[in-house]
Amino acid sequence: MSYEQETPGPGSKSDGDRARIISGLDPNRTLQRSESGNTILFDRAAGIAITLPKAQEGLKFRFVTTVALTSNAYSIVCEGSFAFMVGKVNGTVEGTSAGEWYPANRSHFANGSTHVGISSNGTTTGGLVGSIIELECLSPSLWLITGTLACSGVPATPFTT
């Protein structure tokens, strides 16, 4: 019986490696491919604008809001003009119980053909503590997005074109 060793893809961590927590970012930051697999904190009340690296299959990033947004935006955009987001994020009104249906909660879908970014404004499109966004690159032109956005008003679409 023979076993094939799987070749790690971009952003893979070998046994014993742990994902880094990236915090204290400047207001504008372009992520590097070498940072794939890490968690980026939205921890600046005045907002952070993130540009993803050029799309390459297998890249993964997680974004967690640890400081509520008070001005500007927490935003993530695709690099270049030929990459898009596809998937779903849920907008959840702050203060509702986990698992409890609340009439104001909404699901928002990125269509994979016109949505190039996501932006939280601190109220209706997320940006409150506990918001989580995950992105995984599926192809040279497509990022899968999933997540939950903590909102303070009736959730509106956070996706940008």
C-alpha atoms as a PDB file:
ATOM      1  CA  MET A   1       0.000   0.000   0.000  1.00  0.00           C
ATOM      2  CA  SER A   2       1.402   3.428  -0.890  1.00  0.00           C
ATOM      3  CA  TYR A   3       0.460   6.853   0.320  1.00  0.00           C
ATOM      4  CA  GLU A   4       0.755  10.074  -1.614  1.00  0.00           C
ATOM      5  CA  GLN A   5       1.750  13.149   0.275  1.00  0.00           C
ATOM      6  CA  GLU A   6      -0.538  16.040  -0.483  1.00  0.00           C
ATOM      7  CA  THR A   7       1.274  19.127  -1.744  1.00  0.00           C
ATOM      8  CA  PRO A   8       0.240  22.164   0.294  1.00  0.00           C
ATOM      9  CA  GLY A   9      -1.530  24.870  -1.703  1.00  0.00           C
ATOM     10  CA  PRO A  10      -1.130  28.609  -1.328  1.00  0.00           C
ATOM     11  CA  GLY A  11      -1.715  29.713   2.228  1.00  0.00           C
ATOM     12  CA  SER A  12      -1.515  26.186   3.619  1.00  0.00           C
ATOM     13  CA  LYS A  13      -0.085  25.758   7.072  1.00  0.00           C
ATOM     14  CA  SER A  14       2.055  22.761   7.937  1.00  0.00           C
ATOM     15  CA  ASP A  15       1.365  20.763  11.094  1.00  0.00           C
ATOM     16  CA  GLY A  16       2.287  22.802  14.118  1.00  0.00           C
ATOM     17  CA  ASP A  17       1.896  26.138  12.358  1.00  0.00           C
ATOM     18  CA  ARG A  18      -0.845  28.413  13.549  1.00  0.00           C
ATOM     19  CA  ALA A  19      -2.624  31.195  11.718  1.00  0.00           C
ATOM     20  CA  ARG A  20      -1.435  34.636  12.700  1.00  0.00           C
ATOM     21  CA  ILE A  21      -3.668  37.377  13.985  1.00  0.00           C
ATOM     22  CA  ILE A  22      -3.013  40.574  12.026  1.00  0.00           C
ATOM     23  CA  SER A  23      -4.044  43.676  13.970  1.00  0.00           C
ATOM     24  CA  GLY A  24      -3.301  47.384  14.243  1.00  0.00           C
ATOM     25  CA  LEU A  25      -3.495  47.996  10.498  1.00  0.00           C
ATOM     26  CA  ASP A  26      -3.076  51.351   8.817  1.00  0.00           C
ATOM     27  CA  PRO A  27      -6.246  52.846   7.283  1.00  0.00           C
ATOM     28  CA  ASN A  28      -5.380  51.426   3.822  1.00  0.00           C
ATOM     29  CA  ARG A  29      -3.809  47.989   3.435  1.00  0.00           C
ATOM     30  CA  THR A  30      -3.175  45.606   0.541  1.00  0.00           C
ATOM     31  CA  LEU A  31      -2.915  42.025   1.743  1.00  0.00           C
ATOM     32  CA  GLN A  32      -0.107  39.799   0.470  1.00  0.00           C
ATOM     33  CA  ARG A  33      -0.531  36.227  -0.771  1.00  0.00           C
ATOM     34  CA  SER A  34       1.858  35.155   1.993  1.00  0.00           C
ATOM     35  CA  GLU A  35      -0.737  36.319   4.552  1.00  0.00           C
ATOM     36  CA  SER A  36      -3.289  33.770   3.345  1.00  0.00           C
ATOM     37  CA  GLY A  37      -4.763  31.634   6.119  1.00  0.00           C
ATOM     38  CA  ASN A  38      -4.544  34.403   8.704  1.00  0.00           C
ATOM     39  CA  THR A  39      -7.169  36.355  10.610  1.00  0.00           C
ATOM     40  CA  ILE A  40      -7.275  40.109  10.090  1.00  0.00           C
ATOM     41  CA  LEU A  41      -8.824  42.249  12.807  1.00  0.00           C
ATOM     42  CA  PHE A  42     -10.959  45.257  12.050  1.00  0.00           C
ATOM     43  CA  ASP A  43      -9.798  47.061  15.179  1.00  0.00           C
ATOM     44  CA  ARG A  44      -9.692  50.725  14.162  1.00  0.00           C
ATOM     45  CA  ALA A  45     -12.862  52.719  14.946  1.00  0.00           C
ATOM     46  CA  ALA A  46     -12.089  55.113  12.077  1.00  0.00           C
ATOM     47  CA  GLY A  47     -12.203  52.249   9.552  1.00  0.00           C
ATOM     48  CA  ILE A  48      -9.838  50.151   7.461  1.00  0.00           C
ATOM     49  CA  ALA A  49      -9.836  49.695   3.667  1.00  0.00           C
ATOM     50  CA  ILE A  50      -8.438  46.310   2.592  1.00  0.00           C
ATOM     51  CA  THR A  51      -7.455  45.332  -0.949  1.00  0.00           C
ATOM     52  CA  LEU A  52      -7.187  41.588  -1.531  1.00  0.00           C
ATOM     53  CA  PRO A  53      -4.102  40.233  -3.310  1.00  0.00           C
ATOM     54  CA  LYS A  54      -4.377  39.189  -6.954  1.00  0.00           C
ATOM     55  CA  ALA A  55      -6.751  36.224  -7.030  1.00  0.00           C
ATOM     56  CA  GLN A  56      -5.077  32.803  -6.845  1.00  0.00           C
ATOM     57  CA  GLU A  57      -6.938  29.577  -6.129  1.00  0.00           C
ATOM     58  CA  GLY A  58      -6.762  28.523  -2.493  1.00  0.00           C
ATOM     59  CA  LEU A  59      -6.054  31.878  -0.858  1.00  0.00           C
ATOM     60  CA  LYS A  60      -8.122  32.339   2.323  1.00  0.00           C
ATOM     61  CA  PHE A  61      -8.656  35.228   4.698  1.00  0.00           C
ATOM     62  CA  ARG A  62     -10.857  35.743   7.774  1.00  0.00           C
ATOM     63  CA  PHE A  63     -11.858  39.210   9.006  1.00  0.00           C
ATOM     64  CA  VAL A  64     -13.193  39.764  12.526  1.00  0.00           C
ATOM     65  CA  THR A  65     -14.517  43.061  13.877  1.00  0.00           C
ATOM     66  CA  THR A  66     -13.196  43.654  17.398  1.00  0.00           C
ATOM     67  CA  VAL A  67     -13.771  47.430  17.579  1.00  0.00           C
ATOM     68  CA  ALA A  68     -17.078  49.008  16.548  1.00  0.00           C
ATOM     69  CA  LEU A  69     -16.808  51.300  13.554  1.00  0.00           C
ATOM     70  CA  THR A  70     -17.583  54.957  14.313  1.00  0.00           C
ATOM     71  CA  SER A  71     -16.557  56.667  11.044  1.00  0.00           C
ATOM     72  CA  ASN A  72     -15.587  55.821   7.460  1.00  0.00           C
ATOM     73  CA  ALA A  73     -15.914  52.084   6.673  1.00  0.00           C
ATOM     74  CA  TYR A  74     -14.484  48.616   7.093  1.00  0.00           C
ATOM     75  CA  SER A  75     -14.146  47.603   3.451  1.00  0.00           C
ATOM     76  CA  ILE A  76     -12.650  44.770   1.427  1.00  0.00           C
ATOM     77  CA  VAL A  77     -12.223  44.989  -2.361  1.00  0.00           C
ATOM     78  CA  CYS A  78     -10.878  42.652  -5.020  1.00  0.00           C
ATOM     79  CA  GLU A  79      -7.601  43.588  -6.669  1.00  0.00           C
ATOM     80  CA  GLY A  80      -7.875  44.503 -10.345  1.00  0.00           C
ATOM     81  CA  SER A  81     -10.931  44.714 -12.544  1.00  0.00           C
ATOM     82  CA  PHE A  82     -11.487  41.024 -13.317  1.00  0.00           C
ATOM     83  CA  ALA A  83     -12.185  39.501  -9.885  1.00  0.00           C
ATOM     84  CA  PHE A  84     -15.597  39.294  -8.245  1.00  0.00           C
ATOM     85  CA  MET A  85     -17.278  38.006  -5.083  1.00  0.00           C
ATOM     86  CA  VAL A  86     -19.907  35.276  -4.940  1.00  0.00           C
ATOM     87  CA  GLY A  87     -21.687  33.973  -1.857  1.00  0.00           C
ATOM     88  CA  LYS A  88     -23.783  35.140   1.060  1.00  0.00           C
ATOM     89  CA  VAL A  89     -23.480  37.162   4.242  1.00  0.00           C
ATOM     90  CA  ASN A  90     -26.159  37.455   6.891  1.00  0.00           C
ATOM     91  CA  GLY A  91     -26.979  40.817   8.429  1.00  0.00           C
ATOM     92  CA  THR A  92     -28.059  40.323  12.041  1.00  0.00           C
ATOM     93  CA  VAL A  93     -29.529  43.023  14.240  1.00  0.00           C
ATOM     94  CA  GLU A  94     -27.498  43.466  17.388  1.00  0.00           C
ATOM     95  CA  GLY A  95     -29.187  42.192  20.504  1.00  0.00           C
ATOM     96  CA  THR A  96     -31.149  39.352  18.916  1.00  0.00           C
ATOM     97  CA  SER A  97     -30.557  35.903  20.347  1.00  0.00           C
ATOM     98  CA  ALA A  98     -28.427  33.432  18.443  1.00  0.00           C
ATOM     99  CA  GLY A  99     -30.599  31.130  16.405  1.00  0.00           C
ATOM    100  CA  GLU A 100     -33.710  33.207  17.011  1.00  0.00           C
ATOM    101  CA  TRP A 101     -35.528  34.486  13.925  1.00  0.00           C
ATOM    102  CA  TYR A 102     -35.855  38.231  14.018  1.00  0.00           C
ATOM    103  CA  PRO A 103     -37.881  39.954  11.263  1.00  0.00           C
ATOM    104  CA  ALA A 104     -35.160  42.538  10.582  1.00  0.00           C
ATOM    105  CA  ASN A 105     -32.396  39.961   9.940  1.00  0.00           C
ATOM    106  CA  ARG A 106     -31.458  39.665   6.243  1.00  0.00           C
ATOM    107  CA  SER A 107     -29.327  37.531   3.945  1.00  0.00           C
ATOM    108  CA  HIS A 108     -27.445  39.340   1.174  1.00  0.00           C
ATOM    109  CA  PHE A 109     -25.974  37.650  -1.883  1.00  0.00           C
ATOM    110  CA  ALA A 110     -22.932  38.545  -3.977  1.00  0.00           C
ATOM    111  CA  ASN A 111     -23.635  37.539  -7.580  1.00  0.00           C
ATOM    112  CA  GLY A 112     -20.123  36.689  -8.830  1.00  0.00           C
ATOM    113  CA  SER A 113     -20.383  38.990 -11.839  1.00  0.00           C
ATOM    114  CA  THR A 114     -20.687  42.595 -10.617  1.00  0.00           C
ATOM    115  CA  HIS A 115     -19.877  42.600  -6.903  1.00  0.00           C
ATOM    116  CA  VAL A 116     -16.222  43.512  -6.330  1.00  0.00           C
ATOM    117  CA  GLY A 117     -16.280  44.412  -2.652  1.00  0.00           C
ATOM    118  CA  ILE A 118     -18.034  44.589   0.679  1.00  0.00           C
ATOM    119  CA  SER A 119     -18.320  47.632   2.932  1.00  0.00           C
ATOM    120  CA  SER A 120     -19.576  47.989   6.511  1.00  0.00           C
ATOM    121  CA  ASN A 121     -20.812  51.396   7.678  1.00  0.00           C
ATOM    122  CA  GLY A 122     -21.223  50.778  11.416  1.00  0.00           C
ATOM    123  CA  THR A 123     -25.020  50.538  11.263  1.00  0.00           C
ATOM    124  CA  THR A 124     -27.057  48.845   8.507  1.00  0.00           C
ATOM    125  CA  THR A 125     -24.199  47.072   6.689  1.00  0.00           C
ATOM    126  CA  GLY A 126     -22.312  45.774   9.716  1.00  0.00           C
ATOM    127  CA  GLY A 127     -19.169  47.001  11.393  1.00  0.00           C
ATOM    128  CA  LEU A 128     -20.142  46.213  14.965  1.00  0.00           C
ATOM    129  CA  VAL A 129     -18.146  43.926  17.258  1.00  0.00           C
ATOM    130  CA  GLY A 130     -18.618  40.278  16.331  1.00  0.00           C
ATOM    131  CA  SER A 131     -18.930  40.691  12.564  1.00  0.00           C
ATOM    132  CA  ILE A 132     -17.055  37.927  10.726  1.00  0.00           C
ATOM    133  CA  ILE A 133     -16.251  37.681   7.000  1.00  0.00           C
ATOM    134  CA  GLU A 134     -14.440  34.795   5.332  1.00  0.00           C
ATOM    135  CA  LEU A 135     -13.089  34.865   1.783  1.00  0.00           C
ATOM    136  CA  GLU A 136     -11.678  31.952  -0.217  1.00  0.00           C
ATOM    137  CA  CYS A 137     -10.385  32.303  -3.763  1.00  0.00           C
ATOM    138  CA  LEU A 138     -12.011  29.728  -6.077  1.00  0.00           C
ATOM    139  CA  SER A 139     -10.447  30.820  -9.381  1.00  0.00           C
ATOM    140  CA  PRO A 140      -8.379  33.671 -10.859  1.00  0.00           C
ATOM    141  CA  SER A 141     -11.581  35.715 -11.060  1.00  0.00           C
ATOM    142  CA  LEU A 142     -13.788  34.553  -8.183  1.00  0.00           C
ATOM    143  CA  TRP A 143     -13.739  34.893  -4.386  1.00  0.00           C
ATOM    144  CA  LEU A 144     -16.289  32.978  -2.257  1.00  0.00           C
ATOM    145  CA  ILE A 145     -17.582  35.168   0.569  1.00  0.00           C
ATOM    146  CA  THR A 146     -19.447  34.020   3.676  1.00  0.00           C
ATOM    147  CA  GLY A 147     -20.105  35.686   6.986  1.00  0.00           C
ATOM    148  CA  THR A 148     -22.297  37.342   9.541  1.00  0.00           C
ATOM    149  CA  LEU A 149     -22.471  41.102   9.962  1.00  0.00           C
ATOM    150  CA  ALA A 150     -23.557  42.617  13.276  1.00  0.00           C
ATOM    151  CA  CYS A 151     -25.861  45.550  12.466  1.00  0.00           C
ATOM    152  CA  SER A 152     -27.683  48.189  14.514  1.00  0.00           C
ATOM    153  CA  GLY A 153     -30.470  48.891  12.028  1.00  0.00           C
ATOM    154  CA  VAL A 154     -32.396  46.914   9.440  1.00  0.00           C
ATOM    155  CA  PRO A 155     -29.596  45.246   7.425  1.00  0.00           C
ATOM    156  CA  ALA A 156     -28.959  46.566   3.916  1.00  0.00           C
ATOM    157  CA  THR A 157     -26.776  45.037   1.213  1.00  0.00           C
ATOM    158  CA  PRO A 158     -23.096  45.526   2.043  1.00  0.00           C
ATOM    159  CA  PHE A 159     -21.851  44.571  -1.444  1.00  0.00           C
ATOM    160  CA  THR A 160     -20.248  47.115  -3.760  1.00  0.00           C
ATOM    161  CA  THR A 161     -19.953  47.136  -7.552  1.00  0.00           C
END
